[in-house]
Amino acid sequence: MKYQNHILFKLIITIIGSFLIAVAFNLFLLPHGVLSSGVSGIALLLHILTNFDAGVLNLLLNIPLIFLGIWKLNRSIIANTVLSVIFISLFMTFIPITKVSHELFVNVIFGGVLVGIGVGIILKHSGTTGGMDIVAMIISQHSNMSIGLVMTILNGIIILCSGFFFNWNIALLTLLSIYITGKTVDMIFTSHIKLTATIVTSNVNAVKQGLIDEIYRGITITEVIGGYSNNKQHMITMVLTRYELPEVIRIAKENDPKCFINVYQTTEVHGNFARNS
């Protein structure tokens, strides 16, 4: 098994990403009343209005969306999501809210970038940070919109709330922070890019069933002959998104450790891209 698919490696990535997000909230955004994206932004808003612990609010608001993810996304992603939500909430609770700079624009830029890096690296390694990430992943999975774009659209309500409860200067700064976060996420994690994967395997039934059970994409199977060995094998072809690739590789390797996998970028897709779940 490749190192990046190792459970310990994913756990370390989740902890690092969660820590960066919490640092951005408590040291750069929250001290200036600037909100961030998604459910975490709503938690920050409620914290400012009620003084209730932002970490606890973030955890409570994520619970129903995690159940949505269990219904629509695969188990590995949701397991990592639960961990990231817990770590973000813990870090937000224990990292003191402190101003590290009095320059408002510096805080907005650094806060937005740090949130984007944290979210991006967690998404890249088969997880989400909960909240709107789950909604954005589901929408992106069934459309050609990037996760960053979907997150920006969904977060319009937070900007309106910032203007209503505080002032429109804060709302505009929140918009800038969310925009920077979305762009940073897209630089790290280009999930909207379509890929074509071909898997040559001698255990086609097991690999096929694993893909059907966990990946909601159509597959095509072709009988092939090895040019050197002359052995008959099967080639599975499927079109998928960037975020699904680690799971496809994991499933293929678990069912056939000797399988050959070739992945290349797809320019356009026409027809029934998403298989009915």
Protein backbone atom coordinates (compact mmCIF):
# COMPACT_ATOMS: atom_id res chain seq x y z
CA MET A 1 0.00 0.00 0.00
CA LYS A 2 1.34 3.43 -0.91
CA TYR A 3 2.36 5.71 1.94
CA GLN A 4 -0.17 8.44 1.19
CA ASN A 5 -2.97 5.91 1.64
CA HIS A 6 -1.72 4.86 5.04
CA ILE A 7 -4.13 5.58 7.89
CA LEU A 8 -1.48 7.23 10.04
CA PHE A 9 -0.48 9.58 7.22
CA LYS A 10 -4.11 10.61 6.67
CA LEU A 11 -4.50 11.21 10.40
CA ILE A 12 -1.44 13.47 10.46
CA ILE A 13 -2.73 15.42 7.43
CA THR A 14 -6.13 15.82 9.13
CA ILE A 15 -4.51 17.12 12.32
CA ILE A 16 -2.28 19.59 10.44
CA GLY A 17 -5.15 20.87 8.29
CA SER A 18 -7.46 21.21 11.29
CA PHE A 19 -4.78 23.07 13.23
CA LEU A 20 -4.22 25.55 10.38
CA ILE A 21 -7.96 26.23 10.15
CA ALA A 22 -8.29 26.80 13.90
CA VAL A 23 -5.23 29.09 13.92
CA ALA A 24 -6.75 31.13 11.09
CA PHE A 25 -10.02 31.49 13.00
CA ASN A 26 -8.66 32.33 16.45
CA LEU A 27 -5.59 34.40 15.56
CA PHE A 28 -6.51 36.17 12.32
CA LEU A 29 -10.26 36.29 11.63
CA LEU A 30 -12.25 36.12 14.87
CA PRO A 31 -10.31 38.87 16.75
CA HIS A 32 -11.39 41.34 14.04
CA GLY A 33 -14.97 40.11 13.70
CA VAL A 34 -14.25 38.70 10.22
CA LEU A 35 -16.06 35.47 9.45
CA SER A 36 -14.98 32.52 7.35
CA SER A 37 -16.73 30.10 5.07
CA GLY A 38 -19.35 27.47 5.73
CA VAL A 39 -20.58 26.13 9.03
CA SER A 40 -17.42 27.34 10.76
CA GLY A 41 -18.32 30.86 9.69
CA ILE A 42 -21.80 30.42 11.15
CA ALA A 43 -20.21 29.13 14.37
CA LEU A 44 -17.98 32.24 14.50
CA LEU A 45 -21.02 34.47 13.91
CA LEU A 46 -22.98 32.80 16.74
CA HIS A 47 -19.92 33.05 19.00
CA ILE A 48 -19.69 36.80 18.41
CA LEU A 49 -23.43 37.23 19.07
CA THR A 50 -23.75 34.90 22.08
CA ASN A 51 -20.18 34.48 23.41
CA PHE A 52 -20.80 30.71 23.41
CA ASP A 53 -17.72 28.58 22.72
CA ALA A 54 -17.06 28.57 18.96
CA GLY A 55 -15.54 25.08 19.00
CA VAL A 56 -18.63 23.55 20.61
CA LEU A 57 -20.91 25.43 18.20
CA ASN A 58 -18.88 24.15 15.25
CA LEU A 59 -19.27 20.57 16.47
CA LEU A 60 -23.03 20.85 17.06
CA LEU A 61 -23.75 22.50 13.69
CA ASN A 62 -21.81 19.81 11.83
CA ILE A 63 -23.74 16.82 13.19
CA PRO A 64 -26.71 16.92 10.74
CA LEU A 65 -24.42 17.56 7.76
CA ILE A 66 -22.24 14.59 8.69
CA PHE A 67 -25.36 12.40 8.47
CA LEU A 68 -25.98 13.88 4.99
CA GLY A 69 -22.43 12.91 4.06
CA ILE A 70 -22.94 9.36 5.34
CA TRP A 71 -25.90 9.10 2.95
CA LYS A 72 -24.19 10.61 -0.11
CA LEU A 73 -20.41 10.07 0.24
CA ASN A 74 -18.26 7.00 0.86
CA ARG A 75 -17.29 5.72 4.30
CA SER A 76 -13.61 6.63 4.15
CA ILE A 77 -14.36 10.30 3.43
CA ILE A 78 -16.91 10.51 6.25
CA ALA A 79 -14.54 8.84 8.74
CA ASN A 80 -11.89 11.46 7.97
CA THR A 81 -14.56 14.18 8.11
CA VAL A 82 -15.63 13.21 11.63
CA LEU A 83 -11.99 13.37 12.75
CA SER A 84 -11.42 16.78 11.16
CA VAL A 85 -14.59 18.23 12.73
CA ILE A 86 -13.48 16.96 16.15
CA PHE A 87 -9.92 18.29 15.77
CA ILE A 88 -11.06 21.69 14.46
CA SER A 89 -13.51 22.04 17.35
CA LEU A 90 -10.85 21.04 19.91
CA PHE A 91 -8.22 23.38 18.49
CA MET A 92 -10.74 26.25 18.35
CA THR A 93 -11.56 25.62 22.02
CA PHE A 94 -7.98 25.47 23.29
CA ILE A 95 -6.19 28.01 21.07
CA PRO A 96 -6.71 31.43 22.72
CA ILE A 97 -8.36 34.16 20.64
CA THR A 98 -5.48 36.61 20.20
CA LYS A 99 -4.66 39.45 17.82
CA VAL A 100 -1.32 38.74 16.15
CA SER A 101 -1.54 41.82 13.92
CA HIS A 102 -3.54 45.04 14.00
CA GLU A 103 -3.45 45.36 10.19
CA LEU A 104 -6.94 44.29 9.13
CA PHE A 105 -6.12 43.38 5.52
CA VAL A 106 -3.09 41.35 6.61
CA ASN A 107 -5.32 39.31 8.93
CA VAL A 108 -7.97 38.79 6.25
CA ILE A 109 -5.41 37.62 3.68
CA PHE A 110 -3.46 35.34 6.02
CA GLY A 111 -6.66 33.99 7.58
CA GLY A 112 -8.20 33.21 4.18
CA VAL A 113 -5.04 31.54 2.90
CA LEU A 114 -4.57 29.42 6.03
CA VAL A 115 -8.19 28.23 5.95
CA GLY A 116 -7.78 27.41 2.24
CA ILE A 117 -4.58 25.44 2.84
CA GLY A 118 -6.13 23.53 5.73
CA VAL A 119 -9.30 22.68 3.79
CA GLY A 120 -7.36 21.90 0.61
CA ILE A 121 -4.93 19.37 2.09
CA ILE A 122 -7.73 17.60 3.96
CA LEU A 123 -9.83 17.37 0.78
CA LYS A 124 -6.82 16.15 -1.21
CA HIS A 125 -6.39 13.17 1.10
CA SER A 126 -9.99 11.90 1.00
CA GLY A 127 -11.67 13.92 3.71
CA THR A 128 -13.65 17.08 4.28
CA THR A 129 -13.73 19.60 7.10
CA GLY A 130 -17.45 19.01 7.52
CA GLY A 131 -20.20 21.56 7.08
CA MET A 132 -20.44 23.18 3.67
CA ASP A 133 -17.51 21.08 2.41
CA ILE A 134 -19.85 18.08 2.43
CA VAL A 135 -22.54 19.98 0.53
CA ALA A 136 -19.96 21.38 -1.91
CA MET A 137 -18.46 17.93 -2.51
CA ILE A 138 -21.88 16.44 -3.29
CA ILE A 139 -22.75 19.29 -5.70
CA SER A 140 -19.30 19.18 -7.35
CA GLN A 141 -19.54 15.41 -7.70
CA HIS A 142 -22.69 15.78 -9.82
CA SER A 143 -21.76 18.93 -11.78
CA ASN A 144 -18.83 20.64 -13.52
CA MET A 145 -18.44 23.27 -10.78
CA SER A 146 -15.30 23.28 -8.66
CA ILE A 147 -15.55 22.86 -4.91
CA GLY A 148 -14.09 26.34 -4.41
CA LEU A 149 -16.79 27.88 -6.62
CA VAL A 150 -19.59 25.99 -4.88
CA MET A 151 -18.28 27.04 -1.47
CA THR A 152 -18.16 30.69 -2.57
CA ILE A 153 -21.78 30.56 -3.78
CA LEU A 154 -23.08 28.78 -0.67
CA ASN A 155 -21.39 31.27 1.62
CA GLY A 156 -23.31 34.29 0.33
CA ILE A 157 -25.66 33.97 3.30
CA ILE A 158 -22.75 34.47 5.71
CA ILE A 159 -21.79 37.70 3.97
CA LEU A 160 -25.36 38.98 4.23
CA CYS A 161 -25.44 38.09 7.93
CA SER A 162 -22.15 39.92 8.48
CA GLY A 163 -23.61 43.07 6.96
CA PHE A 164 -26.87 42.77 8.86
CA PHE A 165 -25.44 42.06 12.33
CA PHE A 166 -22.26 44.13 12.12
CA ASN A 167 -21.53 46.50 9.23
CA TRP A 168 -20.99 46.25 5.51
CA ASN A 169 -17.25 46.87 5.83
CA ILE A 170 -16.99 43.64 7.81
CA ALA A 171 -19.24 41.94 5.24
CA LEU A 172 -16.93 42.97 2.40
CA LEU A 173 -13.89 41.77 4.34
CA THR A 174 -15.69 38.47 4.97
CA LEU A 175 -16.35 38.23 1.22
CA LEU A 176 -12.64 38.80 0.54
CA SER A 177 -11.68 36.14 3.09
CA ILE A 178 -14.09 33.60 1.58
CA TYR A 179 -12.88 34.40 -1.95
CA ILE A 180 -9.23 33.90 -0.93
CA THR A 181 -10.14 30.62 0.79
CA GLY A 182 -11.97 29.34 -2.31
CA LYS A 183 -9.10 30.21 -4.64
CA THR A 184 -6.57 28.58 -2.33
CA VAL A 185 -8.67 25.41 -2.12
CA ASP A 186 -8.86 25.21 -5.92
CA MET A 187 -5.08 25.65 -6.23
CA ILE A 188 -4.49 22.67 -3.93
CA PHE A 189 -7.44 20.44 -4.74
CA THR A 190 -8.79 20.52 -8.29
CA SER A 191 -11.61 18.01 -7.70
CA HIS A 192 -13.70 19.27 -10.64
CA ILE A 193 -11.07 17.99 -13.10
CA LYS A 194 -12.27 14.79 -14.74
CA LEU A 195 -9.90 11.84 -15.03
CA THR A 196 -10.03 8.53 -16.88
CA ALA A 197 -8.65 5.51 -15.05
CA THR A 198 -7.86 2.17 -16.68
CA ILE A 199 -7.24 -0.82 -14.41
CA VAL A 200 -5.78 -4.02 -15.86
CA THR A 201 -6.51 -6.87 -13.47
CA SER A 202 -6.63 -10.65 -13.21
CA ASN A 203 -9.28 -10.42 -10.48
CA VAL A 204 -11.88 -8.41 -12.36
CA ASN A 205 -14.97 -9.53 -10.42
CA ALA A 206 -13.63 -8.45 -7.02
CA VAL A 207 -12.29 -5.11 -8.31
CA LYS A 208 -15.51 -4.43 -10.23
CA GLN A 209 -17.71 -5.16 -7.23
CA GLY A 210 -15.59 -2.98 -4.95
CA LEU A 211 -15.89 -0.05 -7.36
CA ILE A 212 -19.64 -0.55 -7.80
CA ASP A 213 -20.18 -0.66 -4.03
CA GLU A 214 -18.22 2.52 -3.19
CA ILE A 215 -17.78 4.72 -6.29
CA TYR A 216 -20.88 6.11 -8.00
CA ARG A 217 -19.53 6.02 -11.56
CA GLY A 218 -20.20 3.84 -14.58
CA ILE A 219 -17.53 1.34 -15.60
CA THR A 220 -16.66 -0.48 -18.83
CA ILE A 221 -14.88 -3.85 -18.90
CA THR A 222 -12.80 -5.06 -21.84
CA GLU A 223 -10.96 -8.35 -22.27
CA VAL A 224 -7.28 -7.74 -23.06
CA ILE A 225 -4.17 -9.83 -23.76
CA GLY A 226 -0.74 -9.05 -22.31
CA GLY A 227 1.72 -8.17 -25.08
CA TYR A 228 4.64 -9.92 -23.36
CA SER A 229 2.97 -12.69 -21.35
CA ASN A 230 0.04 -13.40 -23.74
CA ASN A 231 -2.11 -13.89 -20.62
CA LYS A 232 -5.76 -12.92 -20.84
CA GLN A 233 -6.82 -10.25 -18.36
CA HIS A 234 -9.55 -7.62 -18.08
CA MET A 235 -9.31 -3.83 -18.32
CA ILE A 236 -11.74 -1.68 -16.34
CA THR A 237 -12.25 1.85 -17.67
CA MET A 238 -14.03 4.60 -15.74
CA VAL A 239 -14.29 8.40 -15.71
CA LEU A 240 -14.08 9.98 -12.26
CA THR A 241 -13.28 13.20 -10.43
CA ARG A 242 -9.96 14.05 -8.81
CA TYR A 243 -11.27 13.53 -5.27
CA GLU A 244 -12.43 9.97 -6.09
CA LEU A 245 -9.02 8.87 -7.42
CA PRO A 246 -7.43 7.85 -4.05
CA GLU A 247 -10.44 5.65 -3.27
CA VAL A 248 -10.38 4.02 -6.72
CA ILE A 249 -6.67 3.20 -6.32
CA ARG A 250 -7.28 1.87 -2.80
CA ILE A 251 -10.14 -0.41 -3.91
CA ALA A 252 -8.18 -1.75 -6.89
CA LYS A 253 -5.03 -2.46 -4.85
CA GLU A 254 -6.97 -4.10 -2.01
CA ASN A 255 -8.64 -6.54 -4.42
CA ASP A 256 -5.66 -7.07 -6.73
CA PRO A 257 -2.27 -5.89 -5.40
CA LYS A 258 -0.63 -6.67 -8.77
CA CYS A 259 -3.11 -4.70 -10.91
CA PHE A 260 -1.85 -2.08 -13.39
CA ILE A 261 -3.46 1.38 -13.13
CA ASN A 262 -3.14 4.17 -15.69
CA VAL A 263 -4.72 7.59 -15.03
CA TYR A 264 -4.95 10.51 -17.44
CA GLN A 265 -6.84 13.80 -17.58
CA THR A 266 -10.09 13.94 -19.57
CA THR A 267 -10.92 17.09 -21.55
CA GLU A 268 -14.67 16.59 -21.99
CA VAL A 269 -17.34 14.15 -20.88
CA HIS A 270 -20.65 13.66 -22.71
CA GLY A 271 -23.41 11.30 -21.67
CA ASN A 272 -24.27 9.75 -18.33
CA PHE A 273 -21.24 10.69 -16.20
CA ALA A 274 -22.81 9.95 -12.80
CA ARG A 275 -24.21 6.46 -12.20
CA ASN A 276 -27.53 6.41 -10.38
CA SER A 277 -26.95 5.50 -6.74
